[in-house]
Protein backbone atom coordinates (compact mmCIF):
# COMPACT_ATOMS: atom_id res chain seq x y z
CA MET A 1 0.00 0.00 0.00
CA CYS A 2 1.32 3.46 -0.91
CA PHE A 3 0.86 6.25 1.61
CA TYR A 4 2.52 8.95 -0.50
CA PHE A 5 0.30 10.72 -3.00
CA SER A 6 1.40 12.94 -5.88
CA SER A 7 0.82 16.02 -3.70
CA GLY A 8 2.54 14.64 -0.59
CA TRP A 9 2.21 12.35 2.42
CA SER A 10 -0.97 11.54 4.28
CA ILE A 11 -0.37 13.21 7.66
CA GLY A 12 -1.08 10.17 9.82
CA PHE A 13 1.16 7.90 7.76
CA LEU A 14 3.96 10.48 7.76
CA VAL A 15 3.84 10.61 11.56
CA ARG A 16 3.94 6.81 11.72
CA GLU A 17 6.85 6.63 9.28
CA ILE A 18 8.86 9.16 11.30
CA LEU A 19 8.13 7.43 14.61
CA GLU A 20 9.26 4.11 13.16
CA SER A 21 12.37 5.34 11.35
CA ILE A 22 13.73 8.45 13.14
CA ASP A 23 15.37 8.21 16.56
CA THR A 24 16.35 11.81 17.36
CA TYR A 25 14.19 14.74 18.34
CA ASP A 26 15.84 17.28 16.03
CA LEU A 27 15.60 15.08 12.96
CA ALA A 28 11.95 14.27 13.66
CA VAL A 29 11.20 18.00 13.88
CA GLU A 30 12.91 18.73 10.57
CA GLN A 31 11.22 15.82 8.79
CA LEU A 32 7.79 16.96 9.98
CA ALA A 33 8.61 20.54 8.98
CA GLN A 34 9.92 19.82 5.48
CA THR A 35 8.18 16.73 4.08
CA PRO A 36 5.43 17.56 1.52
CA ILE A 37 1.97 16.69 2.87
CA ILE A 38 -1.51 16.53 1.34
CA ALA A 39 -3.16 19.17 3.56
CA PRO A 40 -2.32 21.94 6.06
CA CYS A 41 -1.99 20.80 9.68
CA TYR A 42 -0.37 21.52 13.04
CA PHE A 43 2.31 19.25 14.49
CA THR A 44 3.41 19.33 18.11
CA ILE A 45 6.66 17.56 18.80
CA CYS A 46 7.42 17.30 22.48
CA GLY A 47 10.30 15.70 24.30
CA THR A 48 12.16 15.45 27.54
CA SER A 49 15.68 14.53 28.46
CA GLN A 50 17.34 14.53 31.86
CA CYS A 51 18.87 17.94 31.25
CA LYS A 52 16.13 19.91 29.48
CA THR A 53 12.62 19.88 28.11
CA PHE A 54 11.88 20.13 24.40
CA GLY A 55 8.72 21.31 22.68
CA THR A 56 8.04 22.52 19.15
CA LEU A 57 4.88 23.59 17.36
CA ILE A 58 5.02 23.41 13.57
CA THR A 59 2.36 25.14 11.47
CA ARG A 60 2.40 23.32 8.16
CA ARG A 61 1.25 24.24 4.70
CA GLN A 62 1.53 21.56 2.02
CA THR A 63 5.15 22.28 1.10
CA SER A 64 6.37 24.70 3.78
CA GLU A 65 6.05 25.73 7.42
CA GLU A 66 5.31 29.08 9.05
CA ASN A 67 6.34 30.74 12.31
CA ARG A 68 7.78 27.80 14.23
CA CYS A 69 7.10 28.11 17.96
CA THR A 70 9.24 26.48 20.66
CA LEU A 71 8.65 25.81 24.32
CA ILE A 72 12.02 27.21 25.34
CA GLU A 73 11.23 30.57 23.68
CA HIS A 74 7.50 30.91 24.39
CA GLY A 75 6.74 28.80 27.46
CA PRO A 76 3.66 26.51 27.44
CA ILE A 77 2.11 26.46 23.97
CA VAL A 78 -1.61 26.42 23.26
CA GLN A 79 -2.85 25.32 19.83
CA ALA A 80 -6.49 25.81 18.92
CA ASN A 81 -8.14 25.81 15.47
CA ILE A 82 -6.29 28.88 14.31
CA ASP A 83 -2.65 29.71 13.64
CA HIS A 84 -0.97 30.44 16.97
CA TRP A 85 -0.04 34.02 15.96
CA SER A 86 -3.40 34.96 14.42
CA SER A 87 -6.11 37.07 16.03
CA ASN A 88 -8.07 37.52 12.80
CA LYS A 89 -11.74 37.08 13.65
CA ASP A 90 -12.46 36.00 10.07
CA GLU A 91 -10.26 32.93 10.72
CA ASP A 92 -11.72 32.17 14.15
CA ILE A 93 -13.16 28.64 14.22
CA LEU A 94 -15.34 27.59 17.15
CA SER A 95 -14.13 30.41 19.43
CA SER A 96 -10.47 29.46 18.99
CA ILE A 97 -9.20 32.92 19.94
CA GLN A 98 -11.18 32.93 23.18
CA ARG A 99 -10.22 29.34 24.03
CA ARG A 100 -6.56 30.14 23.46
CA ALA A 101 -6.75 33.25 25.65
CA VAL A 102 -8.52 31.42 28.49
CA SER A 103 -5.96 28.61 28.35
CA LYS A 104 -2.95 30.91 28.39
CA ARG A 105 -4.32 32.95 31.27
CA PHE A 106 -5.04 29.79 33.26
CA LEU A 107 -1.59 28.32 32.56
CA ASP A 108 0.17 31.54 33.54
CA ASN A 109 -1.43 31.29 36.99
CA MET A 110 -1.12 27.51 37.42
CA LYS A 111 1.61 26.92 40.00
CA PRO A 112 2.42 24.26 40.99
CA MET A 113 1.33 22.11 38.05
CA ASN A 114 -0.65 18.91 38.55
CA GLU A 115 -3.16 16.75 36.74
CA TYR A 116 -6.11 18.01 38.80
CA LYS A 117 -5.48 21.60 37.71
CA LEU A 118 -5.06 20.58 34.08
CA TRP A 119 -8.44 18.83 34.15
CA LYS A 120 -9.84 21.98 35.70
CA LEU A 121 -8.48 23.92 32.73
CA LEU A 122 -10.17 21.54 30.29
CA SER A 123 -13.43 22.04 32.19
CA GLU A 124 -13.41 25.81 31.71
CA TYR A 125 -15.86 27.35 29.27
CA PRO A 126 -15.55 27.71 26.28
CA ILE A 127 -12.82 25.04 26.27
CA CYS A 128 -15.40 22.50 27.40
CA ASN A 129 -18.77 23.22 25.82
CA GLU A 130 -21.90 21.54 24.50
CA ILE A 131 -20.14 19.88 21.55
CA THR A 132 -16.98 18.71 23.33
CA ILE A 133 -16.52 14.95 22.89
CA TYR A 134 -13.60 14.02 25.16
CA GLY A 135 -10.40 15.21 26.81
CA THR A 136 -7.07 13.44 27.31
CA PHE A 137 -4.16 14.02 29.70
CA MET A 138 -0.83 12.41 28.75
CA CYS A 139 2.49 12.37 30.58
CA PRO A 140 4.85 9.81 29.04
CA GLU A 141 7.56 10.53 31.63
CA TYR A 142 5.26 9.12 34.33
CA GLY A 143 3.39 6.65 32.11
CA ILE A 144 0.09 8.51 32.53
CA TYR A 145 -2.61 8.39 29.84
CA HIS A 146 -6.12 9.38 30.90
CA THR A 147 -9.14 10.02 28.68
CA ARG A 148 -12.42 11.30 30.06
CA TYR A 149 -15.81 12.11 28.63
CA PRO A 150 -17.32 15.36 29.94
CA GLN A 151 -20.17 14.89 32.40
CA HIS A 152 -23.01 17.38 32.39
CA ASP A 153 -22.58 18.41 36.02
CA GLN A 154 -18.85 17.82 36.58
CA LYS A 155 -17.46 18.31 33.06
CA PHE A 156 -13.99 16.72 33.21
CA HIS A 157 -13.73 16.62 37.01
CA SER A 158 -13.58 13.16 38.56
CA ASN A 159 -13.50 11.38 41.90
CA GLU A 160 -10.31 9.59 40.82
CA ASN A 161 -7.16 10.38 42.75
CA PRO A 162 -5.19 12.83 40.61
CA HIS A 163 -1.47 12.44 40.00
CA PHE A 164 0.10 15.26 41.97
CA ILE A 165 3.46 15.88 40.35
CA ALA A 166 5.62 18.71 41.56
CA GLN A 167 6.06 21.39 38.91
CA SER A 168 9.83 20.93 39.02
CA ASP A 169 9.30 17.23 38.19
CA LEU A 170 6.63 17.72 35.53
CA LYS A 171 8.92 17.93 32.52
CA CYS A 172 6.34 16.49 30.15
CA TYR A 173 2.64 16.77 29.72
CA SER A 174 0.25 16.79 26.85
CA LEU A 175 -3.34 17.82 27.21
CA PHE A 176 -5.93 17.95 24.51
CA TYR A 177 -9.63 17.78 23.90
CA ILE A 178 -11.73 17.15 20.84
CA ILE A 179 -14.67 19.33 19.83
CA VAL A 180 -16.18 17.44 16.90
CA GLN A 181 -13.13 17.80 14.62
CA THR A 182 -11.50 20.51 16.67
CA LEU A 183 -8.25 20.25 18.58
CA LEU A 184 -6.71 22.30 21.37
CA MET A 185 -3.33 21.14 22.53
CA ILE A 186 -1.21 22.16 25.45
CA TYR A 187 1.96 20.19 25.64
CA ARG A 188 5.26 19.61 27.34
CA CYS A 189 6.25 16.02 26.64
CA TYR A 190 8.20 13.71 24.38
CA PHE A 191 5.31 12.78 22.16
CA VAL A 192 4.24 13.45 18.58
CA ILE A 193 0.72 14.28 17.50
CA GLY A 194 -0.27 15.43 14.02
CA ALA A 195 -3.38 17.58 14.21
CA LEU A 196 -5.22 17.91 10.92
CA HIS A 197 -7.59 20.82 10.61
CA PRO A 198 -9.85 18.08 10.64
CA VAL A 199 -7.88 16.16 13.38
CA GLU A 200 -5.13 13.67 13.16
CA LYS A 201 8.36 9.20 21.06
CA ASP A 202 11.64 9.26 22.09
């Protein structure tokens, strides 16, 4: 089966190919940034080592990238359904500008960091709303992967014991939720997710 079309790679198959064949963070970033693809998308490439934390957001067009954003330069990164630098209301999909602003404000005041507070962020309106399908918290460093469906009264809150990880220890986390085919991502981990405008380790 061929996963490369005349116009470029299918995004999901490109991510799989890179995960299976590339074993360094920097090379994975460059391959995701430069390989021709069939449609625009956002890639978040996140990674941790014992000495520092990596994180890169790539805004892809079919044959190029625009305005690369890194964790080390910008702090926690929020990706909604709009380019991370845009505030153009004509491009605003499903209140992306407002969701991004709410998320950034919440993250700026979130100290120390823990899973409970991140679920609280996902429960905030308009991040969680009437068409939200699910939310996921991932922290590969600690082997945590939790998906929840929003409950009418509690949203993403739960009676489960949260994983309280000191902020100094929380080198990696990835948090996202799906609104129909909408994606918001907040990340700080060694993990790769390709996010198609419809949606789509080391």
